Each structure stands twice: as C-alpha cells, then as structure tokens.
Amino acid sequence: MSTKTLSKQKKLADEDLLSRYLEDGDLSYLGELFQRHSEMVYYVCLRYFKETERSKDAVMHIFEELIDKVKKQEIKDFPRWLYVVSKNHCLMALRSSKNQKEIVTDNFVEFSVNLHPEENYQEKEEQLLQLERCLDTLIDKQKTSIKLFFIEQKCYKEVVELTGFSMNDVKSYIQNGKRNLKNCMERNGHE
C-alpha cells in the first residue's frame, strides 16, 4: 500500500473506514480503524486478565474476530461497540478457563489454590456491570470526560480538544465523576 493511501486513511473518520471495509473488504481500512482504538482494547483486556502478555494476545484475537463481526452487526458508534466486544471477549475467555486448573512450572509444579474460581469471576463481572450502571447515572459532561480519559485513555488535552470543554472543566468533571462513581458503587455494596 502506498504512503499516500495510508495518509489518506488516517484522515478518514471511523465511520468512513468502516463503510469502506464493508464495501470492498480491504483489511487495511479495518486495520487502521482498529489501530486507532487498540490501546483502549488492550487496557480493557488488562483490566480483566491482569497479565500483559495475555492481554496483548487477546487484542490480536479481538482484531481477528472483527473481520467477520463488523459485517454482521449495524455499528453506530465504533469505539463504544468495540469496547463491548472487547469486554465480552475477556469475559468469555475467563468463563471458559474458570474450571481448568492452572499449572505453573518454574523449577517446581504448583496447582492453582482457588477451588471456587467462578465466585471471583462472578463477583468481578457484577462489579463491572455495576460500574457501567453507575457510569450511566453521571451527568453527560462527567460521563463523556470519564469515558474519554479512562476508557479511551485520552490525556487531559485530548479530552479538551474532543469535547470543547475548558481544561479546568475537564479536570473538574473527571474528579467529580470519579467521586460520584465511587459513591454509587459504595451505595450498591461494591468498593
């Protein structure tokens, strides 16, 4: 692919890249689209798996899944849709491995001590679902700022540029949003 074509792709909006991929099946469009949001996918995986290598592997698996998945669903907001796909991928991976004993070899063999792993996964899943419900209770400005900053891993300056809010407002929305999320989680029995 030429440098000119690549720089042209970088200027396209997410929706345009998606529709071009759907039209002609050129993986370079989907690749560029995924690359824009791959850091968010990685952090979602890291939040669930708590392991960098497993999270990196998951990012690659998720991209492979997208090749067919994007053709089967109507996608209005690609980053939000990709977040849900990533979360679901991680939850399915955790569920499928929850009953398997883990064997660690490093000069010795050890079996996993957790005899009831489904309790931890169910608890974590419930906490994440509660966090999403609490996120929906925030005012729009707080919710937008929190999602951009934490989920999409944007810096303060990028949040300012994307939203049009002032720097002080962004910092305030994030700080107040975090406090409101914490209070909501505590009210619902999660810390």
C-alpha atoms as a PDB file:
ATOM      1  CA  MET A   1       0.000   0.000   0.000  1.00  0.00           C
ATOM      2  CA  SER A   2       1.347   3.417  -0.866  1.00  0.00           C
ATOM      3  CA  THR A   3       2.241   6.078   1.681  1.00  0.00           C
ATOM      4  CA  LYS A   4      -0.289   8.368   0.030  1.00  0.00           C
ATOM      5  CA  THR A   5      -3.087   5.826   0.576  1.00  0.00           C
ATOM      6  CA  LEU A   6      -2.056   5.340   4.213  1.00  0.00           C
ATOM      7  CA  SER A   7      -2.040   9.062   4.968  1.00  0.00           C
ATOM      8  CA  LYS A   8      -5.442   9.369   3.235  1.00  0.00           C
ATOM      9  CA  GLN A   9      -6.824   6.607   5.502  1.00  0.00           C
ATOM     10  CA  LYS A  10      -5.564   8.383   8.622  1.00  0.00           C
ATOM     11  CA  LYS A  11      -7.704  11.405   7.711  1.00  0.00           C
ATOM     12  CA  LEU A  12     -10.899   9.366   7.315  1.00  0.00           C
ATOM     13  CA  ALA A  13     -13.469   9.258  10.111  1.00  0.00           C
ATOM     14  CA  ASP A  14     -14.127   5.937  11.858  1.00  0.00           C
ATOM     15  CA  GLU A  15     -17.458   5.585  10.066  1.00  0.00           C
ATOM     16  CA  ASP A  16     -15.817   6.094   6.660  1.00  0.00           C
ATOM     17  CA  LEU A  17     -13.126   3.492   7.349  1.00  0.00           C
ATOM     18  CA  LEU A  18     -15.782   1.027   8.479  1.00  0.00           C
ATOM     19  CA  SER A  19     -18.014   1.600   5.459  1.00  0.00           C
ATOM     20  CA  ARG A  20     -15.057   1.280   3.060  1.00  0.00           C
ATOM     21  CA  TYR A  21     -14.069  -2.008   4.663  1.00  0.00           C
ATOM     22  CA  LEU A  22     -17.651  -3.248   4.370  1.00  0.00           C
ATOM     23  CA  GLU A  23     -17.816  -2.153   0.714  1.00  0.00           C
ATOM     24  CA  ASP A  24     -14.637  -3.728  -0.620  1.00  0.00           C
ATOM     25  CA  GLY A  25     -13.290  -5.969   2.169  1.00  0.00           C
ATOM     26  CA  ASP A  26      -9.866  -4.257   2.164  1.00  0.00           C
ATOM     27  CA  LEU A  27      -8.350  -5.166   5.542  1.00  0.00           C
ATOM     28  CA  SER A  28      -6.192  -2.047   5.555  1.00  0.00           C
ATOM     29  CA  TYR A  29      -9.304   0.022   6.351  1.00  0.00           C
ATOM     30  CA  LEU A  30     -10.289  -2.230   9.237  1.00  0.00           C
ATOM     31  CA  GLY A  31      -6.663  -2.338  10.377  1.00  0.00           C
ATOM     32  CA  GLU A  32      -6.431   1.455  10.522  1.00  0.00           C
ATOM     33  CA  LEU A  33      -9.762   1.668  12.331  1.00  0.00           C
ATOM     34  CA  PHE A  34      -8.733  -0.955  14.882  1.00  0.00           C
ATOM     35  CA  GLN A  35      -5.293   0.623  15.355  1.00  0.00           C
ATOM     36  CA  ARG A  36      -6.942   3.891  16.446  1.00  0.00           C
ATOM     37  CA  HIS A  37      -8.667   2.097  19.309  1.00  0.00           C
ATOM     38  CA  SER A  38      -6.271  -0.788  20.028  1.00  0.00           C
ATOM     39  CA  GLU A  39      -4.878   0.882  23.140  1.00  0.00           C
ATOM     40  CA  MET A  40      -8.364   1.023  24.656  1.00  0.00           C
ATOM     41  CA  VAL A  41      -8.846  -2.662  23.760  1.00  0.00           C
ATOM     42  CA  TYR A  42      -5.544  -3.528  25.452  1.00  0.00           C
ATOM     43  CA  TYR A  43      -6.499  -1.722  28.669  1.00  0.00           C
ATOM     44  CA  VAL A  44      -9.908  -3.402  28.742  1.00  0.00           C
ATOM     45  CA  CYS A  45      -8.160  -6.789  28.426  1.00  0.00           C
ATOM     46  CA  LEU A  46      -5.568  -5.848  31.027  1.00  0.00           C
ATOM     47  CA  ARG A  47      -8.323  -4.883  33.447  1.00  0.00           C
ATOM     48  CA  TYR A  48      -9.812  -8.367  33.151  1.00  0.00           C
ATOM     49  CA  PHE A  49      -6.739 -10.565  32.729  1.00  0.00           C
ATOM     50  CA  LYS A  50      -4.228  -8.623  34.870  1.00  0.00           C
ATOM     51  CA  GLU A  51      -1.449 -10.010  32.615  1.00  0.00           C
ATOM     52  CA  THR A  52       0.276  -8.029  29.864  1.00  0.00           C
ATOM     53  CA  GLU A  53       1.076 -10.950  27.561  1.00  0.00           C
ATOM     54  CA  ARG A  54      -2.390 -12.451  27.797  1.00  0.00           C
ATOM     55  CA  SER A  55      -3.866  -9.017  27.150  1.00  0.00           C
ATOM     56  CA  LYS A  56      -1.680  -8.488  24.078  1.00  0.00           C
ATOM     57  CA  ASP A  57      -2.744 -11.889  22.730  1.00  0.00           C
ATOM     58  CA  ALA A  58      -6.380 -11.001  23.352  1.00  0.00           C
ATOM     59  CA  VAL A  59      -6.010  -7.777  21.339  1.00  0.00           C
ATOM     60  CA  MET A  60      -4.888  -9.826  18.342  1.00  0.00           C
ATOM     61  CA  HIS A  61      -7.750 -12.316  18.787  1.00  0.00           C
ATOM     62  CA  ILE A  62     -10.258  -9.486  19.019  1.00  0.00           C
ATOM     63  CA  PHE A  63      -8.975  -7.992  15.754  1.00  0.00           C
ATOM     64  CA  GLU A  64      -9.372 -11.387  14.077  1.00  0.00           C
ATOM     65  CA  GLU A  65     -12.943 -11.598  15.397  1.00  0.00           C
ATOM     66  CA  LEU A  66     -13.747  -8.171  13.938  1.00  0.00           C
ATOM     67  CA  ILE A  67     -13.063  -9.299  10.375  1.00  0.00           C
ATOM     68  CA  ASP A  68     -16.417 -11.114  10.370  1.00  0.00           C
ATOM     69  CA  LYS A  69     -18.240  -9.471  13.294  1.00  0.00           C
ATOM     70  CA  VAL A  70     -18.383  -5.999  11.756  1.00  0.00           C
ATOM     71  CA  LYS A  71     -20.181  -7.482   8.741  1.00  0.00           C
ATOM     72  CA  LYS A  72     -22.920  -8.996  10.889  1.00  0.00           C
ATOM     73  CA  GLN A  73     -23.898  -6.016  13.044  1.00  0.00           C
ATOM     74  CA  GLU A  74     -25.028  -2.472  12.486  1.00  0.00           C
ATOM     75  CA  ILE A  75     -22.445  -0.295  14.227  1.00  0.00           C
ATOM     76  CA  LYS A  76     -23.348   3.290  15.046  1.00  0.00           C
ATOM     77  CA  ASP A  77     -20.525   4.143  17.477  1.00  0.00           C
ATOM     78  CA  PHE A  78     -17.447   2.041  16.701  1.00  0.00           C
ATOM     79  CA  PRO A  79     -15.385   2.810  19.869  1.00  0.00           C
ATOM     80  CA  ARG A  80     -18.328   2.015  22.137  1.00  0.00           C
ATOM     81  CA  TRP A  81     -19.160  -1.144  20.163  1.00  0.00           C
ATOM     82  CA  LEU A  82     -15.505  -2.243  20.219  1.00  0.00           C
ATOM     83  CA  TYR A  83     -15.383  -1.694  23.993  1.00  0.00           C
ATOM     84  CA  VAL A  84     -18.347  -4.047  24.441  1.00  0.00           C
ATOM     85  CA  VAL A  85     -16.854  -6.635  22.051  1.00  0.00           C
ATOM     86  CA  SER A  86     -13.550  -6.493  23.963  1.00  0.00           C
ATOM     87  CA  LYS A  87     -15.254  -6.827  27.335  1.00  0.00           C
ATOM     88  CA  ASN A  88     -17.334  -9.761  26.129  1.00  0.00           C
ATOM     89  CA  HIS A  89     -14.265 -11.472  24.651  1.00  0.00           C
ATOM     90  CA  CYS A  90     -12.493 -11.228  28.011  1.00  0.00           C
ATOM     91  CA  LEU A  91     -15.493 -12.456  29.982  1.00  0.00           C
ATOM     92  CA  MET A  92     -15.910 -15.441  27.664  1.00  0.00           C
ATOM     93  CA  ALA A  93     -12.206 -16.275  27.946  1.00  0.00           C
ATOM     94  CA  LEU A  94     -12.378 -16.085  31.737  1.00  0.00           C
ATOM     95  CA  ARG A  95     -15.514 -18.239  31.836  1.00  0.00           C
ATOM     96  CA  SER A  96     -14.035 -20.889  29.560  1.00  0.00           C
ATOM     97  CA  SER A  97     -10.913 -21.186  31.676  1.00  0.00           C
ATOM     98  CA  LYS A  98     -12.541 -20.887  35.101  1.00  0.00           C
ATOM     99  CA  ASN A  99     -12.808 -24.618  35.748  1.00  0.00           C
ATOM    100  CA  GLN A 100      -9.366 -25.525  34.491  1.00  0.00           C
ATOM    101  CA  LYS A 101      -6.579 -25.972  36.993  1.00  0.00           C
ATOM    102  CA  GLU A 102      -3.578 -23.837  36.247  1.00  0.00           C
ATOM    103  CA  ILE A 103      -0.172 -25.495  36.299  1.00  0.00           C
ATOM    104  CA  VAL A 104       2.816 -23.243  36.846  1.00  0.00           C
ATOM    105  CA  THR A 105       6.314 -24.548  36.201  1.00  0.00           C
ATOM    106  CA  ASP A 106       9.289 -22.614  37.394  1.00  0.00           C
ATOM    107  CA  ASN A 107      11.626 -25.184  38.979  1.00  0.00           C
ATOM    108  CA  PHE A 108       8.532 -26.646  40.619  1.00  0.00           C
ATOM    109  CA  VAL A 109       4.930 -27.521  39.811  1.00  0.00           C
ATOM    110  CA  GLU A 110       2.076 -25.866  41.611  1.00  0.00           C
ATOM    111  CA  PHE A 111      -1.673 -26.140  41.224  1.00  0.00           C
ATOM    112  CA  SER A 112      -3.978 -23.186  41.492  1.00  0.00           C
ATOM    113  CA  VAL A 113      -5.254 -22.730  45.049  1.00  0.00           C
ATOM    114  CA  ASN A 114      -8.610 -21.212  44.205  1.00  0.00           C
ATOM    115  CA  LEU A 115     -11.083 -24.084  44.445  1.00  0.00           C
ATOM    116  CA  HIS A 116     -14.088 -21.929  43.546  1.00  0.00           C
ATOM    117  CA  PRO A 117     -12.879 -19.579  40.784  1.00  0.00           C
ATOM    118  CA  GLU A 118     -16.379 -18.911  39.496  1.00  0.00           C
ATOM    119  CA  GLU A 119     -17.089 -16.887  42.654  1.00  0.00           C
ATOM    120  CA  ASN A 120     -14.300 -14.424  41.878  1.00  0.00           C
ATOM    121  CA  TYR A 121     -15.278 -14.076  38.212  1.00  0.00           C
ATOM    122  CA  GLN A 122     -18.951 -13.641  39.023  1.00  0.00           C
ATOM    123  CA  GLU A 123     -18.084 -11.039  41.631  1.00  0.00           C
ATOM    124  CA  LYS A 124     -15.776  -9.153  39.237  1.00  0.00           C
ATOM    125  CA  GLU A 125     -18.331  -9.333  36.459  1.00  0.00           C
ATOM    126  CA  GLU A 126     -21.037  -7.981  38.778  1.00  0.00           C
ATOM    127  CA  GLN A 127     -18.729  -5.149  39.876  1.00  0.00           C
ATOM    128  CA  LEU A 128     -18.021  -4.200  36.267  1.00  0.00           C
ATOM    129  CA  LEU A 129     -21.705  -4.302  35.374  1.00  0.00           C
ATOM    130  CA  GLN A 130     -22.463  -2.135  38.416  1.00  0.00           C
ATOM    131  CA  LEU A 131     -19.712   0.275  37.376  1.00  0.00           C
ATOM    132  CA  GLU A 132     -21.311   0.573  33.937  1.00  0.00           C
ATOM    133  CA  ARG A 133     -24.709   1.207  35.532  1.00  0.00           C
ATOM    134  CA  CYS A 134     -23.170   3.849  37.798  1.00  0.00           C
ATOM    135  CA  LEU A 135     -21.428   5.438  34.814  1.00  0.00           C
ATOM    136  CA  ASP A 136     -24.829   5.872  33.177  1.00  0.00           C
ATOM    137  CA  THR A 137     -26.048   7.850  36.230  1.00  0.00           C
ATOM    138  CA  LEU A 138     -23.420  10.578  35.751  1.00  0.00           C
ATOM    139  CA  ILE A 139     -24.296  13.838  34.071  1.00  0.00           C
ATOM    140  CA  ASP A 140     -23.325  13.802  30.379  1.00  0.00           C
ATOM    141  CA  LYS A 141     -20.268  16.051  30.759  1.00  0.00           C
ATOM    142  CA  GLN A 142     -18.837  13.860  33.535  1.00  0.00           C
ATOM    143  CA  LYS A 143     -19.671  10.637  31.693  1.00  0.00           C
ATOM    144  CA  THR A 144     -18.068  11.869  28.456  1.00  0.00           C
ATOM    145  CA  SER A 145     -14.929  13.079  30.233  1.00  0.00           C
ATOM    146  CA  ILE A 146     -14.572   9.866  32.281  1.00  0.00           C
ATOM    147  CA  LYS A 147     -15.018   7.621  29.219  1.00  0.00           C
ATOM    148  CA  LEU A 148     -12.504   9.554  27.129  1.00  0.00           C
ATOM    149  CA  PHE A 149      -9.954   9.758  29.945  1.00  0.00           C
ATOM    150  CA  PHE A 150     -10.181   6.258  31.420  1.00  0.00           C
ATOM    151  CA  ILE A 151     -11.699   4.007  28.763  1.00  0.00           C
ATOM    152  CA  GLU A 152     -10.185   5.569  25.655  1.00  0.00           C
ATOM    153  CA  GLN A 153      -7.014   6.585  27.541  1.00  0.00           C
ATOM    154  CA  LYS A 154      -7.008  10.164  26.258  1.00  0.00           C
ATOM    155  CA  CYS A 155      -4.912  12.758  28.056  1.00  0.00           C
ATOM    156  CA  TYR A 156      -6.495  15.907  29.508  1.00  0.00           C
ATOM    157  CA  LYS A 157      -5.503  17.945  26.444  1.00  0.00           C
ATOM    158  CA  GLU A 158      -7.123  15.440  24.075  1.00  0.00           C
ATOM    159  CA  VAL A 159     -10.323  15.419  26.147  1.00  0.00           C
ATOM    160  CA  VAL A 160     -10.371  19.226  25.940  1.00  0.00           C
ATOM    161  CA  GLU A 161      -9.917  19.103  22.152  1.00  0.00           C
ATOM    162  CA  LEU A 162     -12.553  16.397  21.640  1.00  0.00           C
ATOM    163  CA  THR A 163     -15.211  17.916  23.878  1.00  0.00           C
ATOM    164  CA  GLY A 164     -14.610  21.651  23.664  1.00  0.00           C
ATOM    165  CA  PHE A 165     -14.665  21.850  27.466  1.00  0.00           C
ATOM    166  CA  SER A 166     -12.037  24.003  29.188  1.00  0.00           C
ATOM    167  CA  MET A 167      -9.069  22.296  30.865  1.00  0.00           C
ATOM    168  CA  ASN A 168     -10.393  23.245  34.331  1.00  0.00           C
ATOM    169  CA  ASP A 169     -13.834  21.888  33.443  1.00  0.00           C
ATOM    170  CA  VAL A 170     -12.393  18.584  32.200  1.00  0.00           C
ATOM    171  CA  LYS A 171     -10.369  18.130  35.398  1.00  0.00           C
ATOM    172  CA  SER A 172     -13.422  19.003  37.466  1.00  0.00           C
ATOM    173  CA  TYR A 173     -15.726  16.650  35.522  1.00  0.00           C
ATOM    174  CA  ILE A 174     -13.251  13.791  35.905  1.00  0.00           C
ATOM    175  CA  GLN A 175     -12.670  14.429  39.614  1.00  0.00           C
ATOM    176  CA  ASN A 176     -16.364  14.821  40.397  1.00  0.00           C
ATOM    177  CA  GLY A 177     -17.271  11.905  38.123  1.00  0.00           C
ATOM    178  CA  LYS A 178     -14.804   9.623  39.920  1.00  0.00           C
ATOM    179  CA  ARG A 179     -16.229  10.676  43.292  1.00  0.00           C
ATOM    180  CA  ASN A 180     -19.798  10.102  42.077  1.00  0.00           C
ATOM    181  CA  LEU A 181     -18.853   6.675  40.683  1.00  0.00           C
ATOM    182  CA  LYS A 182     -17.200   5.722  43.978  1.00  0.00           C
ATOM    183  CA  ASN A 183     -20.271   6.853  45.943  1.00  0.00           C
ATOM    184  CA  CYS A 184     -22.607   4.975  43.594  1.00  0.00           C
ATOM    185  CA  MET A 185     -20.529   1.779  43.876  1.00  0.00           C
ATOM    186  CA  GLU A 186     -20.432   2.040  47.674  1.00  0.00           C
ATOM    187  CA  ARG A 187     -24.204   2.570  47.826  1.00  0.00           C
ATOM    188  CA  ASN A 188     -24.588  -0.638  45.833  1.00  0.00           C
ATOM    189  CA  GLY A 189     -22.242  -2.653  48.028  1.00  0.00           C
ATOM    190  CA  HIS A 190     -19.083  -2.562  45.855  1.00  0.00           C
ATOM    191  CA  GLU A 191     -15.844  -0.855  46.778  1.00  0.00           C
END
